[in-house]
């Protein structure tokens, strides 16, 4: 039987990347909305999926501080509801989570076995959502990712390319470190996971939490510099990029200062992981520049 992959998240970065690479059914607002549980059931019944990838979430990190109930529904109770539907049907559920479940104070890349310690409403709702999803569907596959960029929708790389064309000086935080991750590479990982399940059938080791981020670490300043330089090679202006500290750019939500993730388990179980971030940024910037 041909697989039917339902992807939530509408026109978001990962949903768009999955749609660009394979035959998937996308759903999003207003027809699918974690604020309205009845739409979750309706979208699920209409799609009759054999696999569900949940790329929908409340990702406005700062706004979550004052919209806690909405973030709770989008990142915790809503995904758990969807996971329960998948469990009832006996189908795989792949859920996207985040590096913000950690404090960022460890000082080395986090493993899946490290205790979570979120310091923001967004991080807390995502961490609680992971456990709620696993309780609703113990075989769920949870992929923690970070710093996602792509040619699609709004993201940091696109913002930097656009800002470089408009301003002679850019100030970018240099004391937060993470793993820039291409939505296209993350989508490829998801398709590889699905292919492995189809090839081997379900195995107990496939369930649980995995880290799926770009290879190599960077600061926001380093990511911005890479993107802006790549755009300049294609004719964009080259502004001055000034490194600043987190204290120079205060935000309502605390960001993890060092949220690097270790992808060893993903490689061991599924034989794949997103590739190096820097060459992929160059490719993505090229796509963005083509769009004008």
Protein backbone atom coordinates (compact mmCIF):
# COMPACT_ATOMS: atom_id res chain seq x y z
CA UNK A 1 0.00 0.00 0.00
CA UNK A 2 1.32 3.44 -0.90
CA UNK A 3 2.21 5.49 2.16
CA UNK A 4 0.23 8.62 2.95
CA UNK A 5 2.28 11.19 4.86
CA UNK A 6 0.35 13.92 6.66
CA UNK A 7 2.46 16.96 7.54
CA UNK A 8 1.17 19.65 9.87
CA UNK A 9 2.59 23.14 9.89
CA UNK A 10 0.96 24.45 6.72
CA UNK A 11 3.41 26.59 4.79
CA UNK A 12 6.11 26.65 7.48
CA UNK A 13 9.76 26.00 6.70
CA UNK A 14 9.86 22.26 7.40
CA UNK A 15 6.44 21.54 5.90
CA UNK A 16 7.51 23.40 2.75
CA UNK A 17 10.80 21.49 2.60
CA UNK A 18 9.01 18.15 2.98
CA UNK A 19 6.53 19.08 0.24
CA UNK A 20 9.39 20.08 -2.07
CA UNK A 21 11.10 16.71 -1.63
CA UNK A 22 8.26 14.22 -1.57
CA UNK A 23 4.59 13.45 -1.93
CA UNK A 24 2.98 14.63 1.28
CA UNK A 25 -0.36 16.04 2.38
CA UNK A 26 0.07 19.36 4.15
CA UNK A 27 -2.43 20.78 6.58
CA UNK A 28 -2.47 23.99 8.57
CA UNK A 29 -4.59 26.89 9.73
CA UNK A 30 -7.48 27.43 9.56
CA UNK A 31 -8.37 23.83 8.69
CA UNK A 32 -5.95 22.40 11.26
CA UNK A 33 -5.49 24.42 14.42
CA UNK A 34 -4.28 23.27 17.84
CA UNK A 35 -6.49 26.00 19.32
CA UNK A 36 -9.50 24.01 18.05
CA UNK A 37 -9.18 20.29 18.89
CA UNK A 38 -12.09 19.38 16.62
CA UNK A 39 -10.02 20.45 13.61
CA UNK A 40 -7.27 18.01 14.62
CA UNK A 41 -9.71 15.10 14.46
CA UNK A 42 -11.27 16.32 11.23
CA UNK A 43 -7.94 16.81 9.43
CA UNK A 44 -6.73 13.41 10.60
CA UNK A 45 -9.87 11.63 9.41
CA UNK A 46 -9.82 13.41 6.05
CA UNK A 47 -6.18 12.53 5.36
CA UNK A 48 -6.33 8.86 6.47
CA UNK A 49 -2.55 8.95 6.92
CA UNK A 50 -0.13 6.08 7.34
CA UNK A 51 2.49 8.43 8.87
CA UNK A 52 2.16 11.84 10.55
CA UNK A 53 4.90 14.46 10.83
CA UNK A 54 4.03 17.25 13.27
CA UNK A 55 5.84 20.40 12.20
CA UNK A 56 3.23 22.72 13.75
CA UNK A 57 4.15 24.61 16.90
CA UNK A 58 4.12 27.94 18.69
CA UNK A 59 7.60 29.16 17.75
CA UNK A 60 7.33 32.85 18.67
CA UNK A 61 9.73 32.50 21.59
CA UNK A 62 9.30 35.96 23.12
CA UNK A 63 5.54 36.14 22.55
CA UNK A 64 5.14 32.84 24.40
CA UNK A 65 6.11 34.62 27.61
CA UNK A 66 2.80 36.49 27.53
CA UNK A 67 0.74 33.90 25.63
CA UNK A 68 1.41 30.89 27.82
CA UNK A 69 -1.96 29.20 27.31
CA UNK A 70 -1.68 29.37 23.52
CA UNK A 71 1.88 28.05 23.59
CA UNK A 72 0.73 25.23 25.88
CA UNK A 73 -1.95 24.15 23.43
CA UNK A 74 0.32 24.38 20.38
CA UNK A 75 3.39 22.73 21.93
CA UNK A 76 1.95 20.31 24.46
CA UNK A 77 -1.72 19.35 24.56
CA UNK A 78 -2.32 19.69 20.81
CA UNK A 79 0.59 17.47 19.74
CA UNK A 80 -0.37 14.93 22.43
CA UNK A 81 -3.89 14.80 20.98
CA UNK A 82 -2.46 14.15 17.51
CA UNK A 83 -0.08 11.52 18.91
CA UNK A 84 -3.01 9.74 20.55
CA UNK A 85 -4.84 9.57 17.20
CA UNK A 86 -1.74 8.00 15.63
CA UNK A 87 -1.47 5.52 18.50
CA UNK A 88 -5.12 4.49 18.05
CA UNK A 89 -4.49 3.91 14.35
CA UNK A 90 -1.14 2.17 14.97
CA UNK A 91 0.91 4.47 12.74
CA UNK A 92 4.25 6.27 13.24
CA UNK A 93 4.22 9.79 14.66
CA UNK A 94 7.24 12.06 14.09
CA UNK A 95 7.23 15.16 16.29
CA UNK A 96 9.58 18.14 16.00
CA UNK A 97 11.04 19.60 19.19
CA UNK A 98 13.78 22.06 20.05
CA UNK A 99 17.12 22.76 21.72
CA UNK A 100 15.30 25.23 24.00
CA UNK A 101 14.36 22.32 26.28
CA UNK A 102 17.88 22.78 27.69
CA UNK A 103 19.29 25.65 29.73
CA UNK A 104 22.40 25.93 27.57
CA UNK A 105 24.67 25.88 30.64
CA UNK A 106 26.23 22.41 30.20
CA UNK A 107 29.27 23.63 28.27
CA UNK A 108 29.34 20.72 25.81
CA UNK A 109 26.89 19.21 23.29
CA UNK A 110 23.75 17.81 24.86
CA UNK A 111 22.81 14.13 24.64
CA UNK A 112 19.26 12.83 24.56
CA UNK A 113 19.83 11.42 28.06
CA UNK A 114 20.70 14.80 29.58
CA UNK A 115 17.97 16.18 31.83
CA UNK A 116 15.90 18.98 30.34
CA UNK A 117 16.06 22.36 32.06
CA UNK A 118 14.12 24.94 30.03
CA UNK A 119 14.37 28.62 30.97
CA UNK A 120 11.51 30.03 28.88
CA UNK A 121 7.81 29.39 28.40
CA UNK A 122 8.54 28.18 24.88
CA UNK A 123 11.18 25.74 26.11
CA UNK A 124 9.02 24.51 28.99
CA UNK A 125 5.96 23.88 26.79
CA UNK A 126 8.10 22.02 24.26
CA UNK A 127 9.75 19.90 26.98
CA UNK A 128 6.38 19.06 28.53
CA UNK A 129 5.06 18.38 25.04
CA UNK A 130 7.75 15.78 24.44
CA UNK A 131 6.64 13.82 27.51
CA UNK A 132 2.95 14.23 26.69
CA UNK A 133 3.53 12.92 23.17
CA UNK A 134 5.46 9.90 24.44
CA UNK A 135 2.76 9.19 27.01
CA UNK A 136 0.06 9.31 24.30
CA UNK A 137 2.09 7.29 21.78
CA UNK A 138 5.14 5.55 23.30
CA UNK A 139 6.49 4.75 19.83
CA UNK A 140 6.67 8.40 18.79
CA UNK A 141 9.86 9.68 17.18
CA UNK A 142 10.82 13.07 18.59
CA UNK A 143 13.41 15.06 16.67
CA UNK A 144 14.98 17.95 18.54
CA UNK A 145 16.34 20.48 16.10
CA UNK A 146 17.65 24.06 16.21
CA UNK A 147 18.25 27.31 14.34
CA UNK A 148 16.29 26.20 11.27
CA UNK A 149 16.84 28.15 8.05
CA UNK A 150 15.67 27.62 4.47
CA UNK A 151 14.65 29.35 1.24
CA UNK A 152 11.07 29.21 2.55
CA UNK A 153 9.16 31.52 4.85
CA UNK A 154 10.79 33.79 7.45
CA UNK A 155 14.03 32.76 9.15
CA UNK A 156 17.29 34.23 10.42
CA UNK A 157 19.28 33.66 7.21
CA UNK A 158 16.65 35.34 5.04
CA UNK A 159 16.39 38.20 7.54
CA UNK A 160 20.15 38.77 7.42
CA UNK A 161 20.24 38.73 3.61
CA UNK A 162 17.41 41.26 3.45
CA UNK A 163 18.90 43.45 6.18
CA UNK A 164 22.30 43.50 4.44
CA UNK A 165 20.63 45.00 1.37
CA UNK A 166 19.15 47.83 3.42
CA UNK A 167 21.53 48.77 6.23
CA UNK A 168 25.27 49.60 6.26
CA UNK A 169 25.83 48.21 9.78
CA UNK A 170 24.29 45.15 11.40
CA UNK A 171 24.61 44.22 15.07
CA UNK A 172 24.40 40.47 15.77
CA UNK A 173 24.69 38.50 19.01
CA UNK A 174 27.98 36.59 19.22
CA UNK A 175 27.78 34.87 22.62
CA UNK A 176 25.00 32.37 21.88
CA UNK A 177 26.15 29.11 20.26
CA UNK A 178 24.08 26.44 18.51
CA UNK A 179 23.74 24.22 15.45
CA UNK A 180 22.32 25.95 12.36
CA UNK A 181 20.06 23.45 10.62
CA UNK A 182 18.79 23.44 7.05
CA UNK A 183 15.08 22.66 6.74
CA UNK A 184 15.88 20.84 3.50
CA UNK A 185 18.43 18.61 5.20
CA UNK A 186 16.05 17.98 8.11
CA UNK A 187 13.35 17.00 5.63
CA UNK A 188 15.78 14.57 4.00
CA UNK A 189 16.47 13.02 7.40
CA UNK A 190 12.74 12.56 7.98
CA UNK A 191 12.28 10.83 4.64
CA UNK A 192 15.26 8.58 5.43
CA UNK A 193 13.71 7.68 8.78
CA UNK A 194 10.43 6.83 7.06
CA UNK A 195 12.29 4.73 4.47
CA UNK A 196 14.14 2.83 7.22
CA UNK A 197 10.86 2.03 8.98
CA UNK A 198 9.29 0.84 5.72
CA UNK A 199 12.33 -1.26 4.87
CA UNK A 200 12.78 -2.94 8.25
CA UNK A 201 9.34 -2.70 9.82
CA UNK A 202 8.92 -1.09 13.21
CA UNK A 203 11.64 -1.69 15.79
CA UNK A 204 11.50 -0.63 19.43
CA UNK A 205 14.75 1.30 19.06
CA UNK A 206 13.10 3.65 16.56
CA UNK A 207 10.94 5.26 19.24
CA UNK A 208 12.06 8.03 21.55
CA UNK A 209 14.02 11.25 21.39
CA UNK A 210 16.72 12.02 18.82
CA UNK A 211 18.81 15.09 18.09
CA UNK A 212 18.77 16.24 14.46
CA UNK A 213 20.80 19.39 13.82
CA UNK A 214 23.32 20.65 11.30
CA UNK A 215 26.89 19.44 11.64
CA UNK A 216 29.13 21.97 13.33
CA UNK A 217 28.42 24.83 15.72
CA UNK A 218 28.24 28.58 15.22
CA UNK A 219 27.20 31.76 16.95
CA UNK A 220 24.45 33.94 15.53
CA UNK A 221 27.22 36.34 14.49
CA UNK A 222 29.07 33.59 12.61
CA UNK A 223 25.87 32.42 10.91
CA UNK A 224 25.03 36.00 9.91
CA UNK A 225 28.52 36.62 8.56
CA UNK A 226 28.41 33.41 6.49
CA UNK A 227 25.00 34.28 5.03
CA UNK A 228 25.85 37.92 4.32
CA UNK A 229 29.17 37.01 2.69
CA UNK A 230 27.42 34.43 0.51
CA UNK A 231 24.90 37.07 -0.55
CA UNK A 232 27.67 39.59 -1.29
CA UNK A 233 29.32 37.10 -3.66
CA UNK A 234 26.03 37.19 -5.57
CA UNK A 235 25.82 40.97 -5.79
CA UNK A 236 24.31 41.98 -2.47
CA UNK A 237 25.87 44.85 -0.49
CA UNK A 238 28.40 43.87 2.19
CA UNK A 239 27.63 45.79 5.38
CA UNK A 240 29.74 45.99 8.50
CA UNK A 241 28.73 43.25 10.96
CA UNK A 242 29.24 44.21 14.59
CA UNK A 243 29.36 41.41 17.21
CA UNK A 244 27.39 42.20 20.36
CA UNK A 245 26.53 40.34 23.58
CA UNK A 246 23.21 38.97 24.74
CA UNK A 247 23.15 41.76 27.31
CA UNK A 248 23.30 44.27 24.47
CA UNK A 249 20.15 42.78 22.93
CA UNK A 250 17.77 41.94 25.80
CA UNK A 251 14.71 39.84 25.01
CA UNK A 252 11.67 38.78 27.09
CA UNK A 253 12.64 35.08 26.86
CA UNK A 254 16.03 33.77 27.90
CA UNK A 255 17.95 32.07 25.08
CA UNK A 256 20.25 29.09 25.80
CA UNK A 257 23.84 30.42 25.60
CA UNK A 258 25.23 27.08 24.38
CA UNK A 259 22.57 24.72 23.06
CA UNK A 260 24.72 22.45 20.90
CA UNK A 261 23.20 19.01 20.34
CA UNK A 262 24.92 15.68 19.72
CA UNK A 263 23.45 13.63 16.82
CA UNK A 264 25.27 10.35 17.50
CA UNK A 265 22.12 8.42 18.42
CA UNK A 266 20.34 9.49 15.23
CA UNK A 267 23.28 8.27 13.15
CA UNK A 268 23.50 4.97 15.03
CA UNK A 269 19.79 4.12 14.81
CA UNK A 270 18.78 5.57 11.45
CA UNK A 271 22.14 6.01 9.69
CA UNK A 272 21.58 9.67 8.83
CA UNK A 273 21.90 13.23 10.10
CA UNK A 274 21.82 16.74 8.65
CA UNK A 275 25.10 17.68 6.96
CA UNK A 276 27.50 20.60 7.58
CA UNK A 277 25.73 23.90 8.04
CA UNK A 278 28.08 26.32 6.25
CA UNK A 279 27.91 24.90 2.67
CA UNK A 280 24.16 24.56 3.05
CA UNK A 281 23.83 28.21 4.07
CA UNK A 282 25.62 29.16 0.85
CA UNK A 283 23.17 27.08 -1.19
CA UNK A 284 20.14 28.46 0.64
CA UNK A 285 21.34 32.05 0.18
CA UNK A 286 21.64 31.35 -3.54
CA UNK A 287 18.01 30.21 -3.60
CA UNK A 288 16.90 33.27 -1.65
CA UNK A 289 18.75 35.60 -4.03
CA UNK A 290 17.10 33.94 -7.03
CA UNK A 291 13.70 34.70 -5.52
CA UNK A 292 14.56 38.40 -5.46
